[in-house]
Amino acid sequence: MNTLLAAIGLMFGSWLFLNLAGAVIVGALARMLLPGKDKVGWLTTIGVGFLGGIVANLVAHVAGWVPWGENSGILGSQLGAMGLLLLHRVWATRRGSKTPPVVPPSAS
């Protein structure tokens, strides 16, 4: 039983390490490809990279671009992370803005 638990722990630890390393790479590449004045730390960069891969896989599976059981790969993860980074920028600028958005007058 201890051997089984050790094997499961080793597999989970390896999976977690590889995913975090991939998240750092994908998140850092997304920040390099979309330069700007982001006040984003490494934890947010890792989160953007990790969630970018999850979002890319969900979109690819639902759209039918990738069969179930496979993943979208590094390119899909990169596109997902860049999309999340853009959403983060929009959210951060709206959150930091104290002025209400400009609404055009209605034509009545």
C-alpha atoms as a PDB file:
ATOM      1  CA  MET A   1       0.000   0.000   0.000  1.00  0.00           C
ATOM      2  CA  ASN A   2       2.830   2.409   0.830  1.00  0.00           C
ATOM      3  CA  THR A   3       4.415   1.689  -2.546  1.00  0.00           C
ATOM      4  CA  LEU A   4       1.157   2.545  -4.317  1.00  0.00           C
ATOM      5  CA  LEU A   5       0.796   5.805  -2.397  1.00  0.00           C
ATOM      6  CA  ALA A   6       4.415   6.695  -3.133  1.00  0.00           C
ATOM      7  CA  ALA A   7       3.885   6.033  -6.857  1.00  0.00           C
ATOM      8  CA  ILE A   8       0.723   8.174  -6.885  1.00  0.00           C
ATOM      9  CA  GLY A   9       2.527  10.950  -5.030  1.00  0.00           C
ATOM     10  CA  LEU A  10       5.432  10.808  -7.466  1.00  0.00           C
ATOM     11  CA  MET A  11       3.116  10.954 -10.495  1.00  0.00           C
ATOM     12  CA  PHE A  12       1.104  13.847  -9.049  1.00  0.00           C
ATOM     13  CA  GLY A  13       4.249  15.724  -8.044  1.00  0.00           C
ATOM     14  CA  SER A  14       5.742  15.275 -11.510  1.00  0.00           C
ATOM     15  CA  TRP A  15       2.462  16.325 -13.157  1.00  0.00           C
ATOM     16  CA  LEU A  16       2.208  19.400 -10.966  1.00  0.00           C
ATOM     17  CA  PHE A  17       5.846  20.385 -11.548  1.00  0.00           C
ATOM     18  CA  LEU A  18       5.582  19.983 -15.332  1.00  0.00           C
ATOM     19  CA  ASN A  19       2.334  21.962 -15.473  1.00  0.00           C
ATOM     20  CA  LEU A  20       3.736  24.782 -13.349  1.00  0.00           C
ATOM     21  CA  ALA A  21       6.919  24.914 -15.439  1.00  0.00           C
ATOM     22  CA  GLY A  22       4.816  25.014 -18.598  1.00  0.00           C
ATOM     23  CA  ALA A  23       2.595  27.703 -17.074  1.00  0.00           C
ATOM     24  CA  VAL A  24       5.615  29.882 -16.318  1.00  0.00           C
ATOM     25  CA  ILE A  25       6.889  29.492 -19.888  1.00  0.00           C
ATOM     26  CA  VAL A  26       3.489  30.115 -21.510  1.00  0.00           C
ATOM     27  CA  GLY A  27       2.672  33.052 -19.207  1.00  0.00           C
ATOM     28  CA  ALA A  28       6.085  34.665 -19.734  1.00  0.00           C
ATOM     29  CA  LEU A  29       5.790  34.247 -23.512  1.00  0.00           C
ATOM     30  CA  ALA A  30       2.323  35.816 -23.438  1.00  0.00           C
ATOM     31  CA  ARG A  31       3.722  38.805 -21.558  1.00  0.00           C
ATOM     32  CA  MET A  32       6.632  39.078 -24.023  1.00  0.00           C
ATOM     33  CA  LEU A  33       4.367  38.880 -27.075  1.00  0.00           C
ATOM     34  CA  LEU A  34       1.915  41.432 -25.619  1.00  0.00           C
ATOM     35  CA  PRO A  35       4.175  44.105 -24.139  1.00  0.00           C
ATOM     36  CA  GLY A  36       2.652  46.821 -22.040  1.00  0.00           C
ATOM     37  CA  LYS A  37       2.657  48.447 -18.641  1.00  0.00           C
ATOM     38  CA  ASP A  38       1.220  45.510 -16.747  1.00  0.00           C
ATOM     39  CA  LYS A  39       1.686  45.508 -13.011  1.00  0.00           C
ATOM     40  CA  VAL A  40       1.543  41.744 -12.984  1.00  0.00           C
ATOM     41  CA  GLY A  41       3.633  39.590 -10.679  1.00  0.00           C
ATOM     42  CA  TRP A  42       4.940  36.096 -11.224  1.00  0.00           C
ATOM     43  CA  LEU A  43       1.983  34.497  -9.477  1.00  0.00           C
ATOM     44  CA  THR A  44      -0.414  36.139 -11.924  1.00  0.00           C
ATOM     45  CA  THR A  45       1.875  35.181 -14.812  1.00  0.00           C
ATOM     46  CA  ILE A  46       1.764  31.541 -13.711  1.00  0.00           C
ATOM     47  CA  GLY A  47      -2.018  31.771 -13.296  1.00  0.00           C
ATOM     48  CA  VAL A  48      -2.444  33.253 -16.779  1.00  0.00           C
ATOM     49  CA  GLY A  49      -0.293  30.498 -18.286  1.00  0.00           C
ATOM     50  CA  PHE A  50      -2.032  27.703 -16.383  1.00  0.00           C
ATOM     51  CA  LEU A  51      -5.566  28.948 -17.032  1.00  0.00           C
ATOM     52  CA  GLY A  52      -4.680  29.771 -20.647  1.00  0.00           C
ATOM     53  CA  GLY A  53      -4.005  26.094 -21.281  1.00  0.00           C
ATOM     54  CA  ILE A  54      -7.266  25.069 -19.629  1.00  0.00           C
ATOM     55  CA  VAL A  55      -9.299  27.647 -21.569  1.00  0.00           C
ATOM     56  CA  ALA A  56      -7.619  26.668 -24.840  1.00  0.00           C
ATOM     57  CA  ASN A  57      -8.386  22.988 -24.278  1.00  0.00           C
ATOM     58  CA  LEU A  58     -12.018  23.683 -23.399  1.00  0.00           C
ATOM     59  CA  VAL A  59     -12.551  25.903 -26.436  1.00  0.00           C
ATOM     60  CA  ALA A  60     -10.768  23.471 -28.762  1.00  0.00           C
ATOM     61  CA  HIS A  61     -12.801  20.494 -27.500  1.00  0.00           C
ATOM     62  CA  VAL A  62     -16.155  22.261 -27.581  1.00  0.00           C
ATOM     63  CA  ALA A  63     -15.483  23.691 -31.059  1.00  0.00           C
ATOM     64  CA  GLY A  64     -14.442  20.238 -32.303  1.00  0.00           C
ATOM     65  CA  TRP A  65     -10.959  21.280 -33.369  1.00  0.00           C
ATOM     66  CA  VAL A  66      -9.266  18.740 -31.091  1.00  0.00           C
ATOM     67  CA  PRO A  67     -10.652  15.265 -30.301  1.00  0.00           C
ATOM     68  CA  TRP A  68     -11.516  14.499 -26.688  1.00  0.00           C
ATOM     69  CA  GLY A  69      -8.598  13.003 -24.811  1.00  0.00           C
ATOM     70  CA  GLU A  70      -5.993  15.109 -26.583  1.00  0.00           C
ATOM     71  CA  ASN A  71      -4.821  18.607 -25.724  1.00  0.00           C
ATOM     72  CA  SER A  72      -4.459  21.740 -27.810  1.00  0.00           C
ATOM     73  CA  GLY A  73      -0.693  21.886 -27.358  1.00  0.00           C
ATOM     74  CA  ILE A  74       1.658  24.747 -26.689  1.00  0.00           C
ATOM     75  CA  LEU A  75       0.221  26.956 -29.443  1.00  0.00           C
ATOM     76  CA  GLY A  76      -3.304  26.636 -28.089  1.00  0.00           C
ATOM     77  CA  SER A  77      -2.082  27.308 -24.565  1.00  0.00           C
ATOM     78  CA  GLN A  78      -0.210  30.360 -25.807  1.00  0.00           C
ATOM     79  CA  LEU A  79      -3.278  31.753 -27.569  1.00  0.00           C
ATOM     80  CA  GLY A  80      -5.420  31.083 -24.503  1.00  0.00           C
ATOM     81  CA  ALA A  81      -2.909  32.817 -22.230  1.00  0.00           C
ATOM     82  CA  MET A  82      -2.711  35.823 -24.548  1.00  0.00           C
ATOM     83  CA  GLY A  83      -6.501  36.064 -24.565  1.00  0.00           C
ATOM     84  CA  LEU A  84      -6.608  35.920 -20.774  1.00  0.00           C
ATOM     85  CA  LEU A  85      -3.862  38.535 -20.544  1.00  0.00           C
ATOM     86  CA  LEU A  86      -5.878  40.858 -22.783  1.00  0.00           C
ATOM     87  CA  LEU A  87      -8.957  40.276 -20.610  1.00  0.00           C
ATOM     88  CA  HIS A  88      -6.865  41.029 -17.526  1.00  0.00           C
ATOM     89  CA  ARG A  89      -5.720  44.313 -19.074  1.00  0.00           C
ATOM     90  CA  VAL A  90      -9.291  45.342 -19.890  1.00  0.00           C
ATOM     91  CA  TRP A  91     -10.416  44.430 -16.380  1.00  0.00           C
ATOM     92  CA  ALA A  92      -7.498  46.269 -14.760  1.00  0.00           C
ATOM     93  CA  THR A  93      -8.032  49.463 -16.782  1.00  0.00           C
ATOM     94  CA  ARG A  94     -11.757  49.528 -16.084  1.00  0.00           C
ATOM     95  CA  ARG A  95     -11.168  48.819 -12.427  1.00  0.00           C
ATOM     96  CA  GLY A  96      -8.581  51.595 -12.168  1.00  0.00           C
ATOM     97  CA  SER A  97     -10.662  54.129 -14.077  1.00  0.00           C
ATOM     98  CA  LYS A  98     -12.694  56.462 -11.868  1.00  0.00           C
ATOM     99  CA  THR A  99     -14.538  58.176 -14.709  1.00  0.00           C
ATOM    100  CA  PRO A 100     -17.673  56.553 -16.086  1.00  0.00           C
ATOM    101  CA  PRO A 101     -17.580  55.334 -19.687  1.00  0.00           C
ATOM    102  CA  VAL A 102     -18.689  57.797 -22.359  1.00  0.00           C
ATOM    103  CA  VAL A 103     -22.190  57.013 -23.595  1.00  0.00           C
ATOM    104  CA  PRO A 104     -23.199  58.528 -26.931  1.00  0.00           C
ATOM    105  CA  PRO A 105     -26.451  60.516 -26.890  1.00  0.00           C
ATOM    106  CA  SER A 106     -29.482  58.614 -28.072  1.00  0.00           C
ATOM    107  CA  ALA A 107     -31.097  59.662 -31.317  1.00  0.00           C
ATOM    108  CA  SER A 108     -34.682  60.220 -30.214  1.00  0.00           C
END
